[in-house]
Amino acid sequence: MAGVAVLFGVLSLGSGRGKGKNVPVDDRHRPLYDALKSGRTQTETELVCATCHGSSSIPLPKNHPPKEQCLICHLLSVK
């Protein structure tokens, strides 16, 4: 029974992938792409998102999922 719960949990982690808007390729989002190109991890790169998408600059909607996991739903555009 526990194995089924773990399997369900793992499968549900990827269920939101790609449901958000793609991350634009523009000057505003260049630091995000640069962070990934320089070898930062996904977690480190998502901290770049928080510099603008915090409570003061460009706030997230009230019903937005946890903001520490940007790149689960928001896919990067391929250049």
PDB file of N, CA and C in Angstrom:
ATOM      1  N   MET A   1       0.822  -1.194   0.000  1.00  0.00           N
ATOM      2  CA  MET A   1       0.000   0.000   0.000  1.00  0.00           C
ATOM      3  C   MET A   1       0.869   1.262   0.000  1.00  0.00           C
ATOM      4  N   ALA A   2       1.927   1.242   0.806  1.00  0.00           N
ATOM      5  CA  ALA A   2       2.825   2.406   0.868  1.00  0.00           C
ATOM      6  C   ALA A   2       3.516   2.623  -0.474  1.00  0.00           C
ATOM      7  N   GLY A   3       3.837   1.524  -1.163  1.00  0.00           N
ATOM      8  CA  GLY A   3       4.487   1.617  -2.474  1.00  0.00           C
ATOM      9  C   GLY A   3       3.597   2.311  -3.488  1.00  0.00           C
ATOM     10  N   VAL A   4       2.314   2.038  -3.422  1.00  0.00           N
ATOM     11  CA  VAL A   4       1.357   2.675  -4.327  1.00  0.00           C
ATOM     12  C   VAL A   4       1.294   4.175  -4.043  1.00  0.00           C
ATOM     13  N   ALA A   5       1.317   4.545  -2.775  1.00  0.00           N
ATOM     14  CA  ALA A   5       1.280   5.962  -2.397  1.00  0.00           C
ATOM     15  C   ALA A   5       2.529   6.687  -2.884  1.00  0.00           C
ATOM     16  N   VAL A   6       3.676   6.048  -2.761  1.00  0.00           N
ATOM     17  CA  VAL A   6       4.926   6.655  -3.231  1.00  0.00           C
ATOM     18  C   VAL A   6       4.894   6.813  -4.746  1.00  0.00           C
ATOM     19  N   LEU A   7       4.457   5.787  -5.442  1.00  0.00           N
ATOM     20  CA  LEU A   7       4.362   5.846  -6.901  1.00  0.00           C
ATOM     21  C   LEU A   7       3.424   6.967  -7.336  1.00  0.00           C
ATOM     22  N   PHE A   8       2.286   7.068  -6.698  1.00  0.00           N
ATOM     23  CA  PHE A   8       1.330   8.130  -7.011  1.00  0.00           C
ATOM     24  C   PHE A   8       1.949   9.503  -6.774  1.00  0.00           C
ATOM     25  N   GLY A   9       2.679   9.644  -5.681  1.00  0.00           N
ATOM     26  CA  GLY A   9       3.331  10.913  -5.364  1.00  0.00           C
ATOM     27  C   GLY A   9       4.371  11.299  -6.396  1.00  0.00           C
ATOM     28  N   VAL A  10       5.175  10.338  -6.819  1.00  0.00           N
ATOM     29  CA  VAL A  10       6.207  10.607  -7.826  1.00  0.00           C
ATOM     30  C   VAL A  10       5.571  10.990  -9.154  1.00  0.00           C
ATOM     31  N   LEU A  11       4.552  10.282  -9.542  1.00  0.00           N
ATOM     32  CA  LEU A  11       3.881  10.584 -10.807  1.00  0.00           C
ATOM     33  C   LEU A  11       3.187  11.940 -10.782  1.00  0.00           C
ATOM     34  N   SER A  12       2.666  12.327  -9.641  1.00  0.00           N
ATOM     35  CA  SER A  12       1.961  13.606  -9.557  1.00  0.00           C
ATOM     36  C   SER A  12       2.916  14.790  -9.583  1.00  0.00           C
ATOM     37  N   LEU A  13       4.194  14.584  -9.262  1.00  0.00           N
ATOM     38  CA  LEU A  13       5.165  15.675  -9.297  1.00  0.00           C
ATOM     39  C   LEU A  13       5.291  16.274 -10.695  1.00  0.00           C
ATOM     40  N   GLY A  14       5.225  15.458 -11.715  1.00  0.00           N
ATOM     41  CA  GLY A  14       5.361  15.945 -13.084  1.00  0.00           C
ATOM     42  C   GLY A  14       4.044  16.304 -13.733  1.00  0.00           C
ATOM     43  N   SER A  15       2.930  16.162 -13.017  1.00  0.00           N
ATOM     44  CA  SER A  15       1.625  16.381 -13.637  1.00  0.00           C
ATOM     45  C   SER A  15       1.379  17.838 -14.012  1.00  0.00           C
ATOM     46  N   GLY A  16       2.030  18.785 -13.343  1.00  0.00           N
ATOM     47  CA  GLY A  16       1.832  20.194 -13.672  1.00  0.00           C
ATOM     48  C   GLY A  16       2.793  20.710 -14.718  1.00  0.00           C
ATOM     49  N   ARG A  17       3.730  19.892 -15.127  1.00  0.00           N
ATOM     50  CA  ARG A  17       4.775  20.319 -16.051  1.00  0.00           C
ATOM     51  C   ARG A  17       4.187  20.879 -17.332  1.00  0.00           C
ATOM     52  N   GLY A  18       4.574  22.086 -17.633  1.00  0.00           N
ATOM     53  CA  GLY A  18       4.168  22.699 -18.887  1.00  0.00           C
ATOM     54  C   GLY A  18       2.799  23.335 -18.876  1.00  0.00           C
ATOM     55  N   LYS A  19       2.147  23.438 -17.736  1.00  0.00           N
ATOM     56  CA  LYS A  19       0.801  24.011 -17.700  1.00  0.00           C
ATOM     57  C   LYS A  19       0.815  25.530 -17.584  1.00  0.00           C
ATOM     58  N   GLY A  20       1.965  26.107 -17.245  1.00  0.00           N
ATOM     59  CA  GLY A  20       2.074  27.560 -17.163  1.00  0.00           C
ATOM     60  C   GLY A  20       2.533  28.134 -18.494  1.00  0.00           C
ATOM     61  N   LYS A  21       2.600  29.442 -18.565  1.00  0.00           N
ATOM     62  CA  LYS A  21       3.111  30.090 -19.765  1.00  0.00           C
ATOM     63  C   LYS A  21       4.587  29.774 -19.905  1.00  0.00           C
ATOM     64  N   ASN A  22       5.068  29.678 -21.151  1.00  0.00           N
ATOM     65  CA  ASN A  22       6.494  29.483 -21.369  1.00  0.00           C
ATOM     66  C   ASN A  22       7.244  30.729 -20.940  1.00  0.00           C
ATOM     67  N   VAL A  23       8.462  30.553 -20.477  1.00  0.00           N
ATOM     68  CA  VAL A  23       9.293  31.689 -20.090  1.00  0.00           C
ATOM     69  C   VAL A  23       9.724  32.399 -21.369  1.00  0.00           C
ATOM     70  N   PRO A  24       9.403  33.691 -21.499  1.00  0.00           N
ATOM     71  CA  PRO A  24       9.765  34.413 -22.723  1.00  0.00           C
ATOM     72  C   PRO A  24      11.279  34.539 -22.888  1.00  0.00           C
ATOM     73  N   VAL A  25      11.693  34.626 -24.120  1.00  0.00           N
ATOM     74  CA  VAL A  25      13.097  34.895 -24.420  1.00  0.00           C
ATOM     75  C   VAL A  25      13.175  36.389 -24.721  1.00  0.00           C
ATOM     76  N   ASP A  26      13.467  37.168 -23.691  1.00  0.00           N
ATOM     77  CA  ASP A  26      13.561  38.614 -23.845  1.00  0.00           C
ATOM     78  C   ASP A  26      14.588  39.146 -22.849  1.00  0.00           C
ATOM     79  N   ASP A  27      14.845  40.446 -22.906  1.00  0.00           N
ATOM     80  CA  ASP A  27      15.864  41.032 -22.026  1.00  0.00           C
ATOM     81  C   ASP A  27      15.516  40.870 -20.558  1.00  0.00           C
ATOM     82  N   ARG A  28      14.244  40.919 -20.235  1.00  0.00           N
ATOM     83  CA  ARG A  28      13.815  40.803 -18.840  1.00  0.00           C
ATOM     84  C   ARG A  28      14.130  39.420 -18.272  1.00  0.00           C
ATOM     85  N   HIS A  29      14.027  38.391 -19.109  1.00  0.00           N
ATOM     86  CA  HIS A  29      14.243  37.020 -18.661  1.00  0.00           C
ATOM     87  C   HIS A  29      15.639  36.490 -18.999  1.00  0.00           C
ATOM     88  N   ARG A  30      16.486  37.313 -19.610  1.00  0.00           N
ATOM     89  CA  ARG A  30      17.832  36.887 -19.977  1.00  0.00           C
ATOM     90  C   ARG A  30      18.632  36.369 -18.777  1.00  0.00           C
ATOM     91  N   PRO A  31      18.544  37.005 -17.590  1.00  0.00           N
ATOM     92  CA  PRO A  31      19.302  36.471 -16.445  1.00  0.00           C
ATOM     93  C   PRO A  31      18.944  35.019 -16.104  1.00  0.00           C
ATOM     94  N   LEU A  32      17.714  34.631 -16.332  1.00  0.00           N
ATOM     95  CA  LEU A  32      17.287  33.257 -16.077  1.00  0.00           C
ATOM     96  C   LEU A  32      17.987  32.297 -17.032  1.00  0.00           C
ATOM     97  N   TYR A  33      17.947  32.626 -18.319  1.00  0.00           N
ATOM     98  CA  TYR A  33      18.605  31.774 -19.313  1.00  0.00           C
ATOM     99  C   TYR A  33      20.118  31.753 -19.095  1.00  0.00           C
ATOM    100  N   ASP A  34      20.693  32.907 -18.750  1.00  0.00           N
ATOM    101  CA  ASP A  34      22.135  32.984 -18.488  1.00  0.00           C
ATOM    102  C   ASP A  34      22.522  32.122 -17.288  1.00  0.00           C
ATOM    103  N   ALA A  35      21.668  32.100 -16.264  1.00  0.00           N
ATOM    104  CA  ALA A  35      21.939  31.290 -15.078  1.00  0.00           C
ATOM    105  C   ALA A  35      22.010  29.810 -15.446  1.00  0.00           C
ATOM    106  N   LEU A  36      21.095  29.357 -16.270  1.00  0.00           N
ATOM    107  CA  LEU A  36      21.106  27.954 -16.684  1.00  0.00           C
ATOM    108  C   LEU A  36      22.311  27.646 -17.560  1.00  0.00           C
ATOM    109  N   LYS A  37      22.625  28.565 -18.473  1.00  0.00           N
ATOM    110  CA  LYS A  37      23.775  28.352 -19.363  1.00  0.00           C
ATOM    111  C   LYS A  37      25.085  28.298 -18.580  1.00  0.00           C
ATOM    112  N   SER A  38      25.141  29.021 -17.471  1.00  0.00           N
ATOM    113  CA  SER A  38      26.374  29.046 -16.689  1.00  0.00           C
ATOM    114  C   SER A  38      26.511  27.813 -15.793  1.00  0.00           C
ATOM    115  N   GLY A  39      25.524  26.941 -15.807  1.00  0.00           N
ATOM    116  CA  GLY A  39      25.625  25.701 -15.058  1.00  0.00           C
ATOM    117  C   GLY A  39      24.918  25.699 -13.716  1.00  0.00           C
ATOM    118  N   ARG A  40      24.170  26.739 -13.405  1.00  0.00           N
ATOM    119  CA  ARG A  40      23.420  26.724 -12.142  1.00  0.00           C
ATOM    120  C   ARG A  40      22.368  25.634 -12.178  1.00  0.00           C
ATOM    121  N   THR A  41      22.039  25.117 -11.012  1.00  0.00           N
ATOM    122  CA  THR A  41      21.000  24.093 -10.920  1.00  0.00           C
ATOM    123  C   THR A  41      19.632  24.738 -11.121  1.00  0.00           C
ATOM    124  N   GLN A  42      18.623  23.901 -11.290  1.00  0.00           N
ATOM    125  CA  GLN A  42      17.265  24.413 -11.445  1.00  0.00           C
ATOM    126  C   GLN A  42      16.859  25.217 -10.217  1.00  0.00           C
ATOM    127  N   THR A  43      17.183  24.711  -9.045  1.00  0.00           N
ATOM    128  CA  THR A  43      16.836  25.396  -7.799  1.00  0.00           C
ATOM    129  C   THR A  43      17.509  26.759  -7.716  1.00  0.00           C
ATOM    130  N   GLU A  44      18.794  26.820  -8.055  1.00  0.00           N
ATOM    131  CA  GLU A  44      19.514  28.095  -8.035  1.00  0.00           C
ATOM    132  C   GLU A  44      18.951  29.062  -9.069  1.00  0.00           C
ATOM    133  N   THR A  45      18.573  28.535 -10.223  1.00  0.00           N
ATOM    134  CA  THR A  45      18.021  29.372 -11.286  1.00  0.00           C
ATOM    135  C   THR A  45      16.670  29.942 -10.882  1.00  0.00           C
ATOM    136  N   GLU A  46      15.871  29.170 -10.175  1.00  0.00           N
ATOM    137  CA  GLU A  46      14.561  29.644  -9.753  1.00  0.00           C
ATOM    138  C   GLU A  46      14.665  30.810  -8.771  1.00  0.00           C
ATOM    139  N   LEU A  47      15.790  30.931  -8.084  1.00  0.00           N
ATOM    140  CA  LEU A  47      15.998  32.096  -7.221  1.00  0.00           C
ATOM    141  C   LEU A  47      16.068  33.375  -8.048  1.00  0.00           C
ATOM    142  N   VAL A  48      16.529  33.262  -9.297  1.00  0.00           N
ATOM    143  CA  VAL A  48      16.558  34.416 -10.198  1.00  0.00           C
ATOM    144  C   VAL A  48      15.125  34.898 -10.459  1.00  0.00           C
ATOM    145  N   CYS A  49      14.196  33.978 -10.599  1.00  0.00           N
ATOM    146  CA  CYS A  49      12.787  34.337 -10.834  1.00  0.00           C
ATOM    147  C   CYS A  49      12.252  35.194  -9.686  1.00  0.00           C
ATOM    148  N   ALA A  50      12.648  34.819  -8.479  1.00  0.00           N
ATOM    149  CA  ALA A  50      12.138  35.495  -7.287  1.00  0.00           C
ATOM    150  C   ALA A  50      12.601  36.939  -7.191  1.00  0.00           C
ATOM    151  N   THR A  51      13.672  37.302  -7.897  1.00  0.00           N
ATOM    152  CA  THR A  51      14.136  38.689  -7.826  1.00  0.00           C
ATOM    153  C   THR A  51      13.119  39.653  -8.428  1.00  0.00           C
ATOM    154  N   CYS A  52      12.353  39.212  -9.409  1.00  0.00           N
ATOM    155  CA  CYS A  52      11.309  40.066 -10.012  1.00  0.00           C
ATOM    156  C   CYS A  52       9.902  39.647  -9.593  1.00  0.00           C
ATOM    157  N   HIS A  53       9.693  38.356  -9.498  1.00  0.00           N
ATOM    158  CA  HIS A  53       8.359  37.852  -9.187  1.00  0.00           C
ATOM    159  C   HIS A  53       8.181  37.680  -7.686  1.00  0.00           C
ATOM    160  N   GLY A  54       8.577  38.686  -6.956  1.00  0.00           N
ATOM    161  CA  GLY A  54       8.373  38.705  -5.513  1.00  0.00           C
ATOM    162  C   GLY A  54       7.114  39.497  -5.202  1.00  0.00           C
ATOM    163  N   SER A  55       6.952  39.844  -3.991  1.00  0.00           N
ATOM    164  CA  SER A  55       5.731  40.548  -3.585  1.00  0.00           C
ATOM    165  C   SER A  55       5.711  42.007  -4.025  1.00  0.00           C
ATOM    166  N   SER A  56       6.857  42.606  -4.311  1.00  0.00           N
ATOM    167  CA  SER A  56       6.871  44.035  -4.626  1.00  0.00           C
ATOM    168  C   SER A  56       6.928  44.340  -6.112  1.00  0.00           C
ATOM    169  N   SER A  57       7.693  43.608  -6.887  1.00  0.00           N
ATOM    170  CA  SER A  57       7.926  43.969  -8.279  1.00  0.00           C
ATOM    171  C   SER A  57       6.810  43.477  -9.211  1.00  0.00           C
ATOM    172  N   ILE A  58       6.757  42.196  -9.451  1.00  0.00           N
ATOM    173  CA  ILE A  58       5.725  41.584 -10.296  1.00  0.00           C
ATOM    174  C   ILE A  58       5.106  40.460  -9.478  1.00  0.00           C
ATOM    175  N   PRO A  59       4.112  40.784  -8.651  1.00  0.00           N
ATOM    176  CA  PRO A  59       3.554  39.763  -7.751  1.00  0.00           C
ATOM    177  C   PRO A  59       2.854  38.634  -8.504  1.00  0.00           C
ATOM    178  N   LEU A  60       2.862  37.472  -7.895  1.00  0.00           N
ATOM    179  CA  LEU A  60       2.184  36.315  -8.456  1.00  0.00           C
ATOM    180  C   LEU A  60       0.708  36.348  -8.056  1.00  0.00           C
ATOM    181  N   PRO A  61      -0.168  35.736  -8.866  1.00  0.00           N
ATOM    182  CA  PRO A  61      -1.588  35.685  -8.502  1.00  0.00           C
ATOM    183  C   PRO A  61      -1.780  34.968  -7.165  1.00  0.00           C
ATOM    184  N   LYS A  62      -2.871  35.270  -6.487  1.00  0.00           N
ATOM    185  CA  LYS A  62      -3.148  34.674  -5.171  1.00  0.00           C
ATOM    186  C   LYS A  62      -3.184  33.146  -5.197  1.00  0.00           C
ATOM    187  N   ASN A  63      -3.726  32.579  -6.258  1.00  0.00           N
ATOM    188  CA  ASN A  63      -3.879  31.119  -6.327  1.00  0.00           C
ATOM    189  C   ASN A  63      -2.686  30.429  -6.984  1.00  0.00           C
ATOM    190  N   HIS A  64      -1.558  31.133  -7.118  1.00  0.00           N
ATOM    191  CA  HIS A  64      -0.370  30.571  -7.747  1.00  0.00           C
ATOM    192  C   HIS A  64       0.246  29.499  -6.852  1.00  0.00           C
ATOM    193  N   PRO A  65       0.685  28.379  -7.449  1.00  0.00           N
ATOM    194  CA  PRO A  65       1.339  27.325  -6.654  1.00  0.00           C
ATOM    195  C   PRO A  65       2.636  27.830  -6.018  1.00  0.00           C
ATOM    196  N   PRO A  66       3.299  27.006  -5.219  1.00  0.00           N
ATOM    197  CA  PRO A  66       4.529  27.436  -4.547  1.00  0.00           C
ATOM    198  C   PRO A  66       5.516  28.086  -5.518  1.00  0.00           C
ATOM    199  N   LYS A  67       5.965  29.281  -5.166  1.00  0.00           N
ATOM    200  CA  LYS A  67       6.799  30.043  -6.089  1.00  0.00           C
ATOM    201  C   LYS A  67       8.232  29.553  -6.178  1.00  0.00           C
ATOM    202  N   GLU A  68       8.612  28.590  -5.377  1.00  0.00           N
ATOM    203  CA  GLU A  68       9.977  28.068  -5.421  1.00  0.00           C
ATOM    204  C   GLU A  68      10.158  27.032  -6.525  1.00  0.00           C
ATOM    205  N   GLN A  69       9.116  26.721  -7.254  1.00  0.00           N
ATOM    206  CA  GLN A  69       9.185  25.650  -8.249  1.00  0.00           C
ATOM    207  C   GLN A  69       8.756  26.149  -9.626  1.00  0.00           C
ATOM    208  N   CYS A  70       9.310  27.259 -10.044  1.00  0.00           N
ATOM    209  CA  CYS A  70       8.910  27.925 -11.287  1.00  0.00           C
ATOM    210  C   CYS A  70       9.040  27.030 -12.512  1.00  0.00           C
ATOM    211  N   LEU A  71      10.178  26.345 -12.619  1.00  0.00           N
ATOM    212  CA  LEU A  71      10.485  25.608 -13.848  1.00  0.00           C
ATOM    213  C   LEU A  71       9.803  24.248 -13.940  1.00  0.00           C
ATOM    214  N   ILE A  72       8.912  23.961 -13.010  1.00  0.00           N
ATOM    215  CA  ILE A  72       8.091  22.757 -13.144  1.00  0.00           C
ATOM    216  C   ILE A  72       6.952  23.034 -14.126  1.00  0.00           C
ATOM    217  N   CYS A  73       6.331  24.190 -13.995  1.00  0.00           N
ATOM    218  CA  CYS A  73       5.206  24.527 -14.872  1.00  0.00           C
ATOM    219  C   CYS A  73       5.602  25.434 -16.041  1.00  0.00           C
ATOM    220  N   HIS A  74       6.535  26.320 -15.808  1.00  0.00           N
ATOM    221  CA  HIS A  74       6.933  27.286 -16.832  1.00  0.00           C
ATOM    222  C   HIS A  74       8.142  26.756 -17.583  1.00  0.00           C
ATOM    223  N   LEU A  75       7.903  26.344 -18.825  1.00  0.00           N
ATOM    224  CA  LEU A  75       8.966  25.745 -19.626  1.00  0.00           C
ATOM    225  C   LEU A  75       9.798  26.826 -20.291  1.00  0.00           C
ATOM    226  N   LEU A  76      11.077  26.539 -20.464  1.00  0.00           N
ATOM    227  CA  LEU A  76      11.975  27.465 -21.133  1.00  0.00           C
ATOM    228  C   LEU A  76      11.805  27.331 -22.633  1.00  0.00           C
ATOM    229  N   SER A  77      11.831  28.441 -23.314  1.00  0.00           N
ATOM    230  CA  SER A  77      11.753  28.432 -24.775  1.00  0.00           C
ATOM    231  C   SER A  77      13.112  28.046 -25.324  1.00  0.00           C
ATOM    232  N   VAL A  78      13.112  27.296 -26.383  1.00  0.00           N
ATOM    233  CA  VAL A  78      14.359  26.864 -26.990  1.00  0.00           C
ATOM    234  C   VAL A  78      14.788  27.906 -28.001  1.00  0.00           C
ATOM    235  N   LYS A  79      16.042  28.331 -27.878  1.00  0.00           N
ATOM    236  CA  LYS A  79      16.584  29.335 -28.817  1.00  0.00           C
ATOM    237  C   LYS A  79      17.223  28.662 -29.984  1.00  0.00           C
TER     238      LYS A  79
END
